Amino acid sequence: MIDYRITLSKKPTLRLWKADGKKRTLMAEVENRKANLVEEIILRNIPLNIFMKFRDGRIIYNTNEENALKILVALKGIIGLRNFTKVNKILESVNDMDRSEIFWWYSLYLKLGLRAIQALRTAYL
């Protein structure tokens, strides 16, 4: 069974993982201010279960596939951006998307890769 995990460290760094048994695959990662913005805009509205907590402040959350894909689309959309007003627009747009739109952007990303992320940015900026 595939689990989706989100690790949040104190740096802050936010990582999205796909765990299939003992095999883990990093799907996306953001750091610093972008991680804070994702936490404020996206993660506050998603139900997360604490999987593991560490003494140094790291927390690992478990989530379902639908929420993981929402986070993945948001993270992939902001990874290359430098302007934080654009980062906010993308995150708010992804937060307002419904389930079918999230799955559509994810399937487009699987087919086209970076070109799909560029289309997402063009559509919502």
N, C-alpha and C. Protein backbone atom coordinates (compact mmCIF):
# COMPACT_ATOMS: atom_id res chain seq x y z
N MET A 1 0.83 -1.18 0.00
CA MET A 1 0.00 0.00 0.00
C MET A 1 0.88 1.25 0.00
N ILE A 2 0.48 2.22 -0.79
CA ILE A 2 1.26 3.44 -0.92
C ILE A 2 0.76 4.47 0.09
N ASP A 3 1.71 5.05 0.84
CA ASP A 3 1.42 6.13 1.78
C ASP A 3 2.07 7.40 1.26
N TYR A 4 1.45 8.51 1.55
CA TYR A 4 2.03 9.80 1.21
C TYR A 4 2.36 10.51 2.51
N ARG A 5 3.60 10.97 2.60
CA ARG A 5 4.07 11.58 3.84
C ARG A 5 4.63 12.97 3.55
N ILE A 6 4.42 13.85 4.49
CA ILE A 6 4.91 15.21 4.41
C ILE A 6 5.84 15.42 5.59
N THR A 7 7.08 15.80 5.32
CA THR A 7 8.01 16.10 6.41
C THR A 7 8.18 17.61 6.48
N LEU A 8 8.13 18.10 7.70
CA LEU A 8 8.27 19.52 7.95
C LEU A 8 9.35 19.69 9.01
N SER A 9 10.43 20.39 8.66
CA SER A 9 11.52 20.59 9.62
C SER A 9 11.53 22.04 10.08
N LYS A 10 12.41 22.33 11.05
CA LYS A 10 12.45 23.65 11.64
C LYS A 10 13.15 24.68 10.75
N LYS A 11 13.87 24.25 9.73
CA LYS A 11 14.66 25.16 8.91
C LYS A 11 13.87 26.31 8.31
N PRO A 12 12.74 26.31 7.77
CA PRO A 12 11.81 25.23 7.47
C PRO A 12 12.05 24.62 6.09
N THR A 13 11.85 23.33 6.02
CA THR A 13 11.88 22.60 4.78
C THR A 13 10.64 21.72 4.74
N LEU A 14 9.96 21.73 3.61
CA LEU A 14 8.78 20.91 3.44
C LEU A 14 9.03 19.94 2.29
N ARG A 15 8.87 18.65 2.56
CA ARG A 15 9.10 17.62 1.55
C ARG A 15 7.87 16.72 1.46
N LEU A 16 7.54 16.32 0.25
CA LEU A 16 6.45 15.39 0.00
C LEU A 16 7.06 14.07 -0.47
N TRP A 17 6.73 12.99 0.24
CA TRP A 17 7.29 11.66 -0.04
C TRP A 17 6.18 10.70 -0.42
N LYS A 18 6.52 9.75 -1.28
CA LYS A 18 5.65 8.61 -1.56
C LYS A 18 6.36 7.39 -1.00
N ALA A 19 5.70 6.70 -0.05
CA ALA A 19 6.31 5.55 0.60
C ALA A 19 5.54 4.29 0.21
N ASP A 20 6.25 3.36 -0.38
CA ASP A 20 5.67 2.07 -0.76
C ASP A 20 6.45 1.00 -0.02
N GLY A 21 5.95 0.61 1.15
CA GLY A 21 6.69 -0.32 2.00
C GLY A 21 7.92 0.39 2.55
N LYS A 22 9.11 -0.16 2.27
CA LYS A 22 10.34 0.47 2.73
C LYS A 22 10.95 1.41 1.70
N LYS A 23 10.39 1.43 0.50
CA LYS A 23 10.90 2.29 -0.56
C LYS A 23 10.23 3.66 -0.48
N ARG A 24 11.05 4.71 -0.35
CA ARG A 24 10.54 6.08 -0.30
C ARG A 24 11.04 6.86 -1.51
N THR A 25 10.16 7.66 -2.09
CA THR A 25 10.51 8.48 -3.24
C THR A 25 10.15 9.92 -2.95
N LEU A 26 11.12 10.81 -3.10
CA LEU A 26 10.87 12.23 -2.91
C LEU A 26 10.14 12.77 -4.13
N MET A 27 8.97 13.38 -3.89
CA MET A 27 8.18 13.90 -5.00
C MET A 27 8.44 15.40 -5.23
N ALA A 28 8.57 16.17 -4.15
CA ALA A 28 8.83 17.62 -4.27
C ALA A 28 9.36 18.15 -2.95
N GLU A 29 10.08 19.28 -3.04
CA GLU A 29 10.68 19.87 -1.84
C GLU A 29 10.79 21.39 -2.02
N VAL A 30 10.45 22.13 -0.98
CA VAL A 30 10.67 23.58 -0.95
C VAL A 30 11.26 23.94 0.40
N GLU A 31 11.95 25.09 0.43
CA GLU A 31 12.61 25.52 1.66
C GLU A 31 12.27 26.96 1.99
N ASN A 32 12.62 27.36 3.18
CA ASN A 32 12.57 28.73 3.69
C ASN A 32 11.18 29.35 3.56
N ARG A 33 11.12 30.51 2.94
CA ARG A 33 9.86 31.27 2.90
C ARG A 33 8.77 30.54 2.11
N LYS A 34 9.14 29.84 1.06
CA LYS A 34 8.14 29.08 0.29
C LYS A 34 7.52 27.99 1.15
N ALA A 35 8.32 27.34 1.98
CA ALA A 35 7.78 26.31 2.87
C ALA A 35 6.81 26.93 3.87
N ASN A 36 7.14 28.11 4.38
CA ASN A 36 6.22 28.79 5.29
C ASN A 36 4.91 29.14 4.62
N LEU A 37 4.98 29.62 3.38
CA LEU A 37 3.77 29.98 2.66
C LEU A 37 2.90 28.76 2.36
N VAL A 38 3.52 27.65 1.99
CA VAL A 38 2.76 26.42 1.74
C VAL A 38 2.09 25.95 3.02
N GLU A 39 2.80 26.05 4.12
CA GLU A 39 2.24 25.65 5.41
C GLU A 39 1.05 26.53 5.78
N GLU A 40 1.16 27.83 5.57
CA GLU A 40 0.08 28.75 5.92
C GLU A 40 -1.13 28.61 5.01
N ILE A 41 -0.92 28.47 3.71
CA ILE A 41 -2.03 28.51 2.77
C ILE A 41 -2.61 27.12 2.49
N ILE A 42 -1.78 26.14 2.24
CA ILE A 42 -2.27 24.82 1.82
C ILE A 42 -2.47 23.87 3.01
N LEU A 43 -1.44 23.71 3.84
CA LEU A 43 -1.50 22.68 4.89
C LEU A 43 -2.51 22.99 5.99
N ARG A 44 -2.84 24.25 6.20
CA ARG A 44 -3.84 24.60 7.22
C ARG A 44 -5.23 24.08 6.87
N ASN A 45 -5.51 23.90 5.58
CA ASN A 45 -6.83 23.48 5.12
C ASN A 45 -6.93 21.99 4.84
N ILE A 46 -5.87 21.25 5.09
CA ILE A 46 -5.85 19.82 4.80
C ILE A 46 -5.76 19.04 6.11
N PRO A 47 -6.61 18.02 6.27
CA PRO A 47 -6.48 17.20 7.48
C PRO A 47 -5.24 16.30 7.38
N LEU A 48 -4.37 16.42 8.36
CA LEU A 48 -3.12 15.64 8.40
C LEU A 48 -3.06 14.83 9.67
N ASN A 49 -2.53 13.63 9.58
CA ASN A 49 -2.32 12.78 10.74
C ASN A 49 -0.83 12.74 11.05
N ILE A 50 -0.46 12.94 12.31
CA ILE A 50 0.95 12.89 12.69
C ILE A 50 1.41 11.44 12.66
N PHE A 51 2.44 11.19 11.83
CA PHE A 51 3.00 9.84 11.70
C PHE A 51 4.14 9.65 12.69
N MET A 52 5.00 10.68 12.81
CA MET A 52 6.16 10.59 13.70
C MET A 52 6.59 12.00 14.08
N LYS A 53 7.08 12.14 15.29
CA LYS A 53 7.56 13.42 15.78
C LYS A 53 8.95 13.20 16.36
N PHE A 54 9.86 14.14 16.10
CA PHE A 54 11.22 14.04 16.59
C PHE A 54 11.50 15.14 17.59
N ARG A 55 12.50 14.94 18.43
CA ARG A 55 12.86 15.93 19.44
C ARG A 55 13.41 17.21 18.85
N ASP A 56 14.03 17.12 17.68
CA ASP A 56 14.62 18.32 17.08
C ASP A 56 13.59 19.18 16.35
N GLY A 57 12.33 18.81 16.39
CA GLY A 57 11.27 19.63 15.82
C GLY A 57 10.71 19.14 14.50
N ARG A 58 11.33 18.12 13.91
CA ARG A 58 10.79 17.58 12.67
C ARG A 58 9.49 16.84 12.94
N ILE A 59 8.56 16.98 12.02
CA ILE A 59 7.29 16.27 12.12
C ILE A 59 7.01 15.61 10.78
N ILE A 60 6.57 14.36 10.83
CA ILE A 60 6.18 13.65 9.62
C ILE A 60 4.67 13.41 9.70
N TYR A 61 3.98 13.86 8.66
CA TYR A 61 2.53 13.70 8.59
C TYR A 61 2.17 12.65 7.55
N ASN A 62 1.06 11.98 7.77
CA ASN A 62 0.46 11.08 6.80
C ASN A 62 -0.72 11.78 6.17
N THR A 63 -0.96 11.56 4.90
CA THR A 63 -2.13 12.13 4.25
C THR A 63 -2.61 11.18 3.17
N ASN A 64 -3.80 11.44 2.65
CA ASN A 64 -4.34 10.57 1.60
C ASN A 64 -3.85 11.05 0.23
N GLU A 65 -4.20 10.30 -0.80
CA GLU A 65 -3.69 10.58 -2.14
C GLU A 65 -4.20 11.90 -2.69
N GLU A 66 -5.46 12.19 -2.47
CA GLU A 66 -6.04 13.43 -3.00
C GLU A 66 -5.33 14.66 -2.45
N ASN A 67 -5.11 14.70 -1.15
CA ASN A 67 -4.41 15.83 -0.54
C ASN A 67 -2.95 15.88 -0.96
N ALA A 68 -2.33 14.71 -1.12
CA ALA A 68 -0.93 14.67 -1.55
C ALA A 68 -0.78 15.24 -2.96
N LEU A 69 -1.73 14.95 -3.83
CA LEU A 69 -1.66 15.49 -5.19
C LEU A 69 -1.89 16.99 -5.20
N LYS A 70 -2.73 17.48 -4.30
CA LYS A 70 -2.94 18.92 -4.18
C LYS A 70 -1.64 19.60 -3.75
N ILE A 71 -0.97 19.00 -2.79
CA ILE A 71 0.31 19.56 -2.33
C ILE A 71 1.36 19.47 -3.43
N LEU A 72 1.37 18.35 -4.18
CA LEU A 72 2.33 18.18 -5.26
C LEU A 72 2.14 19.23 -6.35
N VAL A 73 0.91 19.47 -6.76
CA VAL A 73 0.65 20.49 -7.78
C VAL A 73 1.08 21.86 -7.27
N ALA A 74 0.81 22.15 -6.00
CA ALA A 74 1.21 23.44 -5.43
C ALA A 74 2.73 23.57 -5.38
N LEU A 75 3.41 22.53 -4.92
CA LEU A 75 4.87 22.60 -4.80
C LEU A 75 5.54 22.70 -6.17
N LYS A 76 5.09 21.90 -7.12
CA LYS A 76 5.67 21.97 -8.46
C LYS A 76 5.41 23.32 -9.11
N GLY A 77 4.26 23.93 -8.78
CA GLY A 77 3.94 25.22 -9.35
C GLY A 77 4.81 26.35 -8.84
N ILE A 78 5.32 26.23 -7.62
CA ILE A 78 6.09 27.33 -7.03
C ILE A 78 7.59 27.09 -6.99
N ILE A 79 8.05 25.91 -7.35
CA ILE A 79 9.47 25.59 -7.18
C ILE A 79 10.39 26.57 -7.90
N GLY A 80 10.10 26.96 -9.11
CA GLY A 80 11.02 27.83 -9.85
C GLY A 80 10.75 29.31 -9.73
N LEU A 81 9.72 29.71 -8.99
CA LEU A 81 9.35 31.12 -8.91
C LEU A 81 10.18 31.87 -7.87
N ARG A 82 10.49 33.13 -8.18
CA ARG A 82 11.23 33.97 -7.24
C ARG A 82 10.37 35.09 -6.67
N ASN A 83 9.36 35.51 -7.42
CA ASN A 83 8.49 36.60 -7.00
C ASN A 83 7.42 36.03 -6.05
N PHE A 84 7.41 36.52 -4.81
CA PHE A 84 6.52 35.92 -3.81
C PHE A 84 5.06 36.32 -3.98
N THR A 85 4.77 37.38 -4.73
CA THR A 85 3.37 37.65 -5.04
C THR A 85 2.83 36.59 -5.99
N LYS A 86 3.67 36.14 -6.92
CA LYS A 86 3.27 35.06 -7.83
C LYS A 86 3.14 33.73 -7.07
N VAL A 87 4.02 33.51 -6.12
CA VAL A 87 3.94 32.29 -5.30
C VAL A 87 2.62 32.27 -4.55
N ASN A 88 2.23 33.41 -3.97
CA ASN A 88 0.95 33.49 -3.25
C ASN A 88 -0.22 33.23 -4.18
N LYS A 89 -0.19 33.79 -5.39
CA LYS A 89 -1.28 33.58 -6.34
C LYS A 89 -1.43 32.12 -6.71
N ILE A 90 -0.31 31.46 -6.99
CA ILE A 90 -0.37 30.03 -7.35
C ILE A 90 -0.90 29.22 -6.18
N LEU A 91 -0.41 29.46 -4.97
CA LEU A 91 -0.86 28.69 -3.81
C LEU A 91 -2.34 28.91 -3.53
N GLU A 92 -2.81 30.13 -3.63
CA GLU A 92 -4.23 30.39 -3.41
C GLU A 92 -5.09 29.77 -4.50
N SER A 93 -4.60 29.78 -5.73
CA SER A 93 -5.34 29.15 -6.83
C SER A 93 -5.44 27.65 -6.63
N VAL A 94 -4.35 27.02 -6.26
CA VAL A 94 -4.37 25.57 -6.02
C VAL A 94 -5.25 25.25 -4.81
N ASN A 95 -5.22 26.09 -3.80
CA ASN A 95 -6.06 25.87 -2.63
C ASN A 95 -7.55 25.93 -2.97
N ASP A 96 -7.91 26.77 -3.94
CA ASP A 96 -9.31 26.92 -4.35
C ASP A 96 -9.77 25.88 -5.37
N MET A 97 -8.84 25.09 -5.91
CA MET A 97 -9.21 24.08 -6.90
C MET A 97 -10.02 22.96 -6.26
N ASP A 98 -10.94 22.40 -7.06
CA ASP A 98 -11.68 21.24 -6.57
C ASP A 98 -10.93 19.97 -6.96
N ARG A 99 -11.49 18.86 -6.56
CA ARG A 99 -10.82 17.57 -6.72
C ARG A 99 -10.53 17.24 -8.19
N SER A 100 -11.50 17.45 -9.06
CA SER A 100 -11.33 17.09 -10.47
C SER A 100 -10.25 17.94 -11.14
N GLU A 101 -10.18 19.21 -10.76
CA GLU A 101 -9.16 20.08 -11.35
C GLU A 101 -7.76 19.68 -10.90
N ILE A 102 -7.63 19.30 -9.63
CA ILE A 102 -6.33 18.82 -9.13
C ILE A 102 -5.90 17.59 -9.89
N PHE A 103 -6.78 16.61 -10.06
CA PHE A 103 -6.43 15.39 -10.79
C PHE A 103 -6.12 15.69 -12.25
N TRP A 104 -6.80 16.67 -12.84
CA TRP A 104 -6.54 17.02 -14.22
C TRP A 104 -5.14 17.61 -14.38
N TRP A 105 -4.76 18.54 -13.49
CA TRP A 105 -3.42 19.13 -13.56
C TRP A 105 -2.36 18.07 -13.30
N TYR A 106 -2.63 17.13 -12.39
CA TYR A 106 -1.65 16.08 -12.10
C TYR A 106 -1.48 15.16 -13.31
N SER A 107 -2.59 14.78 -13.95
CA SER A 107 -2.48 13.91 -15.13
C SER A 107 -1.77 14.63 -16.27
N LEU A 108 -2.01 15.94 -16.40
CA LEU A 108 -1.31 16.72 -17.40
C LEU A 108 0.18 16.78 -17.08
N TYR A 109 0.52 16.90 -15.79
CA TYR A 109 1.93 16.91 -15.38
C TYR A 109 2.59 15.56 -15.70
N LEU A 110 1.87 14.46 -15.51
CA LEU A 110 2.45 13.16 -15.83
C LEU A 110 2.72 13.01 -17.33
N LYS A 111 1.88 13.62 -18.15
CA LYS A 111 2.05 13.51 -19.60
C LYS A 111 3.10 14.48 -20.14
N LEU A 112 3.05 15.75 -19.67
CA LEU A 112 3.87 16.79 -20.28
C LEU A 112 5.04 17.26 -19.43
N GLY A 113 5.03 16.95 -18.15
CA GLY A 113 6.13 17.35 -17.28
C GLY A 113 6.17 18.85 -17.03
N LEU A 114 7.31 19.47 -17.26
CA LEU A 114 7.50 20.89 -16.97
C LEU A 114 6.58 21.78 -17.79
N ARG A 115 6.23 21.36 -18.99
CA ARG A 115 5.34 22.17 -19.83
C ARG A 115 3.96 22.31 -19.18
N ALA A 116 3.52 21.30 -18.45
CA ALA A 116 2.24 21.38 -17.75
C ALA A 116 2.32 22.40 -16.59
N ILE A 117 3.45 22.44 -15.91
CA ILE A 117 3.64 23.40 -14.83
C ILE A 117 3.69 24.82 -15.41
N GLN A 118 4.31 25.00 -16.54
CA GLN A 118 4.32 26.30 -17.20
C GLN A 118 2.92 26.71 -17.60
N ALA A 119 2.10 25.76 -18.05
CA ALA A 119 0.72 26.06 -18.40
C ALA A 119 -0.09 26.43 -17.15
N LEU A 120 0.18 25.78 -16.04
CA LEU A 120 -0.48 26.11 -14.78
C LEU A 120 -0.16 27.56 -14.37
N ARG A 121 1.10 27.91 -14.49
CA ARG A 121 1.51 29.27 -14.14
C ARG A 121 0.88 30.29 -15.08
N THR A 122 0.82 29.97 -16.36
CA THR A 122 0.21 30.88 -17.33
C THR A 122 -1.27 31.06 -17.06
N ALA A 123 -1.94 29.98 -16.69
CA ALA A 123 -3.38 30.04 -16.45
C ALA A 123 -3.75 30.81 -15.19
N TYR A 124 -2.94 30.75 -14.17
CA TYR A 124 -3.32 31.33 -12.89
C TYR A 124 -2.53 32.57 -12.48
N LEU A 125 -1.58 33.01 -13.29
CA LEU A 125 -0.86 34.25 -12.95
C LEU A 125 -1.33 35.40 -13.81
